[in-house]
């Protein structure tokens, strides 16, 4: 029983280390850009800004 407990503890520690990025980039960070600025909009002319329904006077 003690061996099973130690094995589960080691597996949990390994999964935690993987999630924190100890073995490289964390899975949650894959596909994210490291640049500070967001990417440029592909078609900025398609965006239309219309007046809102609720305007304060």
N, C-alpha and C. Protein backbone atom coordinates (compact mmCIF):
# COMPACT_ATOMS: atom_id res chain seq x y z
N UNK A 1 0.82 -1.20 0.00
CA UNK A 1 0.00 0.00 0.00
C UNK A 1 0.87 1.26 0.00
N UNK A 2 1.97 1.18 0.69
CA UNK A 2 2.87 2.32 0.76
C UNK A 2 3.49 2.61 -0.61
N UNK A 3 3.76 1.56 -1.37
CA UNK A 3 4.34 1.72 -2.71
C UNK A 3 3.34 2.42 -3.64
N UNK A 4 2.07 2.06 -3.54
CA UNK A 4 1.04 2.69 -4.37
C UNK A 4 0.93 4.18 -4.03
N UNK A 5 1.00 4.51 -2.76
CA UNK A 5 0.93 5.91 -2.34
C UNK A 5 2.11 6.70 -2.90
N UNK A 6 3.30 6.16 -2.81
CA UNK A 6 4.49 6.86 -3.32
C UNK A 6 4.42 6.98 -4.83
N UNK A 7 3.93 5.96 -5.52
CA UNK A 7 3.79 6.01 -6.96
C UNK A 7 2.80 7.09 -7.39
N UNK A 8 1.66 7.16 -6.73
CA UNK A 8 0.66 8.19 -7.04
C UNK A 8 1.22 9.58 -6.73
N UNK A 9 1.96 9.71 -5.66
CA UNK A 9 2.57 10.99 -5.30
C UNK A 9 3.57 11.43 -6.36
N UNK A 10 4.38 10.51 -6.86
CA UNK A 10 5.36 10.85 -7.90
C UNK A 10 4.69 11.21 -9.21
N UNK A 11 3.62 10.51 -9.56
CA UNK A 11 2.89 10.83 -10.79
C UNK A 11 2.27 12.22 -10.67
N UNK A 12 1.67 12.52 -9.53
CA UNK A 12 1.08 13.85 -9.33
C UNK A 12 2.15 14.94 -9.40
N UNK A 13 3.28 14.70 -8.83
CA UNK A 13 4.37 15.67 -8.88
C UNK A 13 4.85 15.88 -10.31
N UNK A 14 4.93 14.80 -11.09
CA UNK A 14 5.34 14.91 -12.49
C UNK A 14 4.33 15.68 -13.32
N UNK A 15 3.04 15.43 -13.11
CA UNK A 15 2.00 16.16 -13.85
C UNK A 15 2.01 17.63 -13.46
N UNK A 16 2.21 17.93 -12.19
CA UNK A 16 2.29 19.32 -11.75
C UNK A 16 3.48 20.02 -12.39
N UNK A 17 4.64 19.36 -12.42
CA UNK A 17 5.84 19.95 -13.02
C UNK A 17 5.63 20.17 -14.52
N UNK A 18 4.96 19.25 -15.19
CA UNK A 18 4.67 19.41 -16.61
C UNK A 18 3.76 20.62 -16.84
N UNK A 19 2.76 20.78 -16.01
CA UNK A 19 1.84 21.90 -16.14
C UNK A 19 2.48 23.25 -15.84
N UNK A 20 3.50 23.26 -15.01
CA UNK A 20 4.19 24.49 -14.66
C UNK A 20 5.26 24.86 -15.68
N UNK A 21 5.58 23.95 -16.59
CA UNK A 21 6.56 24.25 -17.62
C UNK A 21 7.98 23.91 -17.24
N UNK A 22 8.17 22.99 -16.32
CA UNK A 22 9.52 22.61 -15.91
C UNK A 22 10.26 21.90 -17.05
N UNK A 23 9.54 21.13 -17.85
CA UNK A 23 10.16 20.36 -18.93
C UNK A 23 10.08 21.08 -20.27
N UNK A 24 9.88 22.36 -20.27
CA UNK A 24 9.76 23.15 -21.50
C UNK A 24 8.54 24.07 -21.37
N UNK A 25 7.99 24.46 -22.49
CA UNK A 25 6.83 25.35 -22.47
C UNK A 25 5.63 24.60 -21.89
N UNK A 26 4.89 25.26 -21.03
CA UNK A 26 3.71 24.66 -20.43
C UNK A 26 2.66 24.41 -21.51
N UNK A 27 1.89 23.34 -21.40
CA UNK A 27 0.86 23.06 -22.40
C UNK A 27 -0.15 24.19 -22.57
N UNK A 28 -0.41 24.94 -21.51
CA UNK A 28 -1.36 26.05 -21.60
C UNK A 28 -0.79 27.21 -22.41
N UNK A 29 0.53 27.28 -22.53
CA UNK A 29 1.17 28.38 -23.26
C UNK A 29 1.45 28.06 -24.72
N UNK A 30 1.21 26.85 -25.14
CA UNK A 30 1.50 26.48 -26.54
C UNK A 30 0.58 27.25 -27.46
N UNK A 31 1.14 27.81 -28.52
CA UNK A 31 0.37 28.58 -29.49
C UNK A 31 0.26 30.05 -29.14
N UNK A 32 0.73 30.45 -27.99
CA UNK A 32 0.69 31.86 -27.62
C UNK A 32 1.91 32.58 -28.17
N UNK A 33 1.70 33.82 -28.53
CA UNK A 33 2.79 34.63 -29.04
C UNK A 33 3.55 35.24 -27.87
N UNK A 34 4.86 35.31 -28.00
CA UNK A 34 5.66 35.92 -26.95
C UNK A 34 5.84 37.40 -27.17
N UNK A 35 5.34 37.91 -28.31
CA UNK A 35 5.45 39.34 -28.57
C UNK A 35 4.52 40.11 -27.64
N UNK A 36 4.90 41.33 -27.31
CA UNK A 36 4.08 42.15 -26.44
C UNK A 36 2.87 42.73 -27.13
N UNK A 37 3.03 43.09 -28.41
CA UNK A 37 1.94 43.72 -29.15
C UNK A 37 1.08 42.64 -29.82
N UNK A 38 -0.22 42.86 -29.90
CA UNK A 38 -1.06 41.89 -30.61
C UNK A 38 -0.81 41.94 -32.11
N UNK A 39 -1.21 40.89 -32.79
CA UNK A 39 -1.01 40.85 -34.24
C UNK A 39 -1.91 41.87 -34.92
N UNK A 40 -1.50 42.29 -36.11
CA UNK A 40 -2.27 43.27 -36.86
C UNK A 40 -3.60 42.67 -37.30
N UNK A 41 -4.59 43.51 -37.38
CA UNK A 41 -5.90 43.06 -37.82
C UNK A 41 -5.85 42.76 -39.32
N UNK A 42 -6.49 41.68 -39.74
CA UNK A 42 -6.39 41.26 -41.14
C UNK A 42 -7.12 42.19 -42.09
N UNK A 43 -8.32 42.64 -41.72
CA UNK A 43 -9.11 43.46 -42.62
C UNK A 43 -9.73 44.62 -41.82
N UNK A 44 -8.96 45.65 -41.52
CA UNK A 44 -9.49 46.72 -40.67
C UNK A 44 -10.61 47.53 -41.34
N UNK A 45 -10.71 47.51 -42.67
CA UNK A 45 -11.77 48.26 -43.34
C UNK A 45 -13.14 47.64 -43.10
N UNK A 46 -13.19 46.37 -42.71
CA UNK A 46 -14.46 45.69 -42.50
C UNK A 46 -15.10 46.07 -41.17
N UNK A 47 -14.38 46.72 -40.30
CA UNK A 47 -14.92 47.09 -39.00
C UNK A 47 -15.72 48.37 -39.14
N UNK A 48 -16.96 48.33 -38.67
CA UNK A 48 -17.84 49.50 -38.73
C UNK A 48 -18.23 49.87 -37.31
N UNK A 49 -18.00 51.10 -36.94
CA UNK A 49 -18.36 51.56 -35.61
C UNK A 49 -19.63 52.39 -35.75
N UNK A 50 -20.71 51.89 -35.15
CA UNK A 50 -21.99 52.56 -35.23
C UNK A 50 -22.30 53.19 -33.88
N UNK A 51 -23.13 54.24 -33.88
CA UNK A 51 -23.51 54.82 -32.59
C UNK A 51 -24.27 53.82 -31.75
N UNK A 52 -24.06 53.86 -30.46
CA UNK A 52 -24.72 52.92 -29.56
C UNK A 52 -26.18 53.26 -29.33
N UNK A 53 -26.90 52.30 -28.79
CA UNK A 53 -28.31 52.51 -28.50
C UNK A 53 -28.50 53.45 -27.31
N UNK A 54 -27.66 53.28 -26.32
CA UNK A 54 -27.80 54.03 -25.09
C UNK A 54 -26.74 55.13 -25.04
N UNK A 55 -27.13 56.32 -25.36
CA UNK A 55 -26.20 57.43 -25.34
C UNK A 55 -26.59 58.37 -24.21
N UNK A 56 -25.59 58.88 -23.54
CA UNK A 56 -25.85 59.83 -22.46
C UNK A 56 -25.78 61.22 -23.04
N UNK A 57 -26.56 62.10 -22.47
CA UNK A 57 -26.59 63.48 -22.96
C UNK A 57 -25.92 64.40 -22.00
